[in-house]
């Protein structure tokens, strides 16, 4: 008869442990998904900023001198590459060939041609349409990766111990 008294206790302990595990897992999922979504939004905003400054650069828009400086445009290019590399390290599936190809085409559109010279070759106009088109393609690839990475628990890479070089 005393064995029957332990069944509710054991069931309660197992239920509590399961509840704690579910709560912890759900919290981790929420943190990972919120972090990934926020980083995606920042990345898309950086693509927009880079494309805006590149367009201003090519048309010599003097309304904001900082945004038309070649070094500033190159800095935005570098920032975008660093942000994408960081996501590649942190999340599986983000470093798809499609994103890297779209990034490469976008970078060429923004800082290719005769960059940093603003002079275009005979018969060519400023690459504004190319910049805007490649920016949208890159954003589409980024958002596709976001959509495909909803398995957060499995998608997040475990950080590796950094090795001093």
Protein backbone atom coordinates (compact mmCIF):
# COMPACT_ATOMS: atom_id res chain seq x y z
CA UNK A 1 0.00 0.00 0.00
CA UNK A 2 2.89 2.39 0.71
CA UNK A 3 4.18 1.83 -2.84
CA UNK A 4 1.05 3.46 -4.22
CA UNK A 5 1.75 6.66 -2.27
CA UNK A 6 4.97 7.23 -4.20
CA UNK A 7 3.32 7.12 -7.63
CA UNK A 8 1.80 10.64 -7.38
CA UNK A 9 5.09 11.96 -6.01
CA UNK A 10 7.16 10.41 -8.80
CA UNK A 11 4.63 11.58 -11.40
CA UNK A 12 4.75 15.09 -9.97
CA UNK A 13 8.55 15.19 -10.03
CA UNK A 14 8.67 13.92 -13.63
CA UNK A 15 5.97 16.42 -14.65
CA UNK A 16 7.81 19.28 -12.97
CA UNK A 17 11.12 18.32 -14.60
CA UNK A 18 9.40 18.09 -17.99
CA UNK A 19 7.77 21.50 -17.43
CA UNK A 20 11.12 23.06 -16.55
CA UNK A 21 12.77 21.53 -19.63
CA UNK A 22 9.95 22.78 -21.91
CA UNK A 23 10.14 26.28 -20.40
CA UNK A 24 13.92 26.45 -20.83
CA UNK A 25 13.72 25.16 -24.42
CA UNK A 26 10.96 27.61 -25.30
CA UNK A 27 12.93 30.49 -23.78
CA UNK A 28 16.03 29.55 -25.79
CA UNK A 29 13.91 29.31 -28.94
CA UNK A 30 12.47 32.77 -28.27
CA UNK A 31 15.89 34.30 -27.65
CA UNK A 32 17.41 32.71 -30.76
CA UNK A 33 14.49 33.66 -32.97
CA UNK A 34 14.38 37.24 -31.67
CA UNK A 35 18.15 37.62 -32.12
CA UNK A 36 18.08 36.19 -35.63
CA UNK A 37 15.11 38.34 -36.67
CA UNK A 38 16.71 41.50 -35.28
CA UNK A 39 19.97 40.76 -37.06
CA UNK A 40 18.06 40.17 -40.31
CA UNK A 41 16.32 43.53 -39.96
CA UNK A 42 19.65 45.27 -39.33
CA UNK A 43 21.18 43.52 -42.32
CA UNK A 44 18.35 44.57 -44.63
CA UNK A 45 18.64 48.16 -43.33
CA UNK A 46 22.39 48.08 -44.04
CA UNK A 47 21.72 46.88 -47.61
CA UNK A 48 19.31 49.79 -48.06
CA UNK A 49 21.80 52.28 -46.64
CA UNK A 50 24.62 50.96 -48.83
CA UNK A 51 22.48 51.06 -51.98
CA UNK A 52 21.29 54.58 -51.15
CA UNK A 53 24.82 55.88 -50.63
CA UNK A 54 26.10 54.10 -53.76
CA UNK A 55 23.33 55.67 -55.85
CA UNK A 56 24.10 59.08 -54.37
CA UNK A 57 27.78 58.51 -55.09
CA UNK A 58 27.25 57.73 -58.76
CA UNK A 59 24.93 60.69 -59.40
CA UNK A 60 27.19 63.05 -57.39
CA UNK A 61 24.39 64.07 -55.02
CA UNK A 62 25.96 66.79 -52.86
CA UNK A 63 23.08 67.07 -50.39
CA UNK A 64 25.05 65.03 -47.84
CA UNK A 65 28.78 65.07 -48.50
CA UNK A 66 29.50 62.13 -46.17
CA UNK A 67 27.25 59.79 -48.12
CA UNK A 68 29.05 60.45 -51.40
CA UNK A 69 32.59 59.92 -50.14
CA UNK A 70 34.26 56.88 -51.69
CA UNK A 71 35.70 55.82 -48.33
CA UNK A 72 32.25 55.93 -46.72
CA UNK A 73 30.78 53.78 -49.50
CA UNK A 74 33.66 51.31 -49.11
CA UNK A 75 33.10 51.33 -45.35
CA UNK A 76 29.46 50.36 -45.86
CA UNK A 77 30.56 47.59 -48.21
CA UNK A 78 32.93 46.30 -45.55
CA UNK A 79 30.28 46.56 -42.83
CA UNK A 80 27.84 44.52 -44.90
CA UNK A 81 30.44 41.83 -45.55
CA UNK A 82 31.36 41.66 -41.85
CA UNK A 83 27.68 41.38 -40.85
CA UNK A 84 27.04 38.57 -43.32
CA UNK A 85 30.20 36.75 -42.21
CA UNK A 86 29.06 37.02 -38.58
CA UNK A 87 25.71 35.47 -39.44
CA UNK A 88 27.50 32.76 -41.40
CA UNK A 89 29.43 31.85 -38.27
CA UNK A 90 26.43 31.97 -35.93
CA UNK A 91 23.65 30.33 -37.93
CA UNK A 92 23.67 27.22 -40.09
CA UNK A 93 21.99 27.61 -43.44
CA UNK A 94 22.56 31.34 -43.67
CA UNK A 95 25.78 31.03 -45.64
CA UNK A 96 24.06 29.72 -48.71
CA UNK A 97 25.67 30.16 -52.08
CA UNK A 98 22.70 32.28 -53.15
CA UNK A 99 23.39 34.93 -50.49
CA UNK A 100 27.09 35.08 -51.23
CA UNK A 101 26.45 35.30 -54.99
CA UNK A 102 23.85 38.03 -54.50
CA UNK A 103 26.27 39.91 -52.21
CA UNK A 104 29.02 39.69 -54.80
CA UNK A 105 26.78 41.05 -57.57
CA UNK A 106 25.54 43.81 -55.27
CA UNK A 107 29.08 44.82 -54.35
CA UNK A 108 30.09 44.96 -58.01
CA UNK A 109 27.04 47.08 -58.83
CA UNK A 110 27.83 49.53 -56.03
CA UNK A 111 31.60 49.75 -56.29
CA UNK A 112 32.43 48.23 -59.63
CA UNK A 113 32.76 49.95 -62.98
CA UNK A 114 35.37 52.73 -62.65
CA UNK A 115 35.05 53.12 -58.88
CA UNK A 116 36.26 55.37 -57.27
CA UNK A 117 36.20 57.44 -60.45
CA UNK A 118 32.69 58.67 -61.12
CA UNK A 119 33.33 58.90 -64.85
CA UNK A 120 31.45 56.27 -66.81
CA UNK A 121 32.68 54.75 -70.04
CA UNK A 122 31.20 56.04 -73.28
CA UNK A 123 27.59 54.99 -73.74
CA UNK A 124 27.06 53.87 -70.13
CA UNK A 125 25.05 55.67 -67.51
CA UNK A 126 25.35 55.53 -63.74
CA UNK A 127 24.48 51.99 -62.55
CA UNK A 128 21.47 53.06 -60.47
CA UNK A 129 19.07 50.43 -61.80
CA UNK A 130 21.69 47.72 -61.38
CA UNK A 131 22.34 48.82 -57.78
CA UNK A 132 18.65 48.82 -56.89
CA UNK A 133 17.95 45.50 -58.62
CA UNK A 134 20.88 43.70 -57.02
CA UNK A 135 19.97 45.20 -53.62
CA UNK A 136 16.47 43.76 -53.88
CA UNK A 137 17.82 40.36 -54.94
CA UNK A 138 20.18 40.33 -51.96
CA UNK A 139 17.37 41.28 -49.59
CA UNK A 140 15.18 38.53 -51.05
CA UNK A 141 17.93 35.97 -50.44
CA UNK A 142 18.44 37.22 -46.88
CA UNK A 143 14.71 37.00 -46.15
CA UNK A 144 14.55 33.54 -47.73
CA UNK A 145 17.29 32.42 -45.34
CA UNK A 146 15.29 33.92 -42.49
CA UNK A 147 12.21 31.98 -43.52
CA UNK A 148 14.18 28.75 -43.85
CA UNK A 149 15.86 29.11 -40.44
CA UNK A 150 12.89 28.61 -38.16
CA UNK A 151 14.41 25.48 -36.63
CA UNK A 152 16.30 27.76 -34.21
CA UNK A 153 17.40 25.11 -31.76
CA UNK A 154 19.04 23.18 -34.58
CA UNK A 155 20.00 26.21 -36.67
CA UNK A 156 22.11 27.97 -34.07
CA UNK A 157 25.74 27.02 -34.14
CA UNK A 158 27.51 26.41 -30.92
CA UNK A 159 30.20 29.04 -30.37
CA UNK A 160 33.68 27.65 -30.67
CA UNK A 161 36.38 28.59 -28.25
CA UNK A 162 38.46 31.31 -29.83
CA UNK A 163 42.05 30.40 -30.37
CA UNK A 164 44.69 33.09 -29.92
CA UNK A 165 46.92 33.33 -32.97
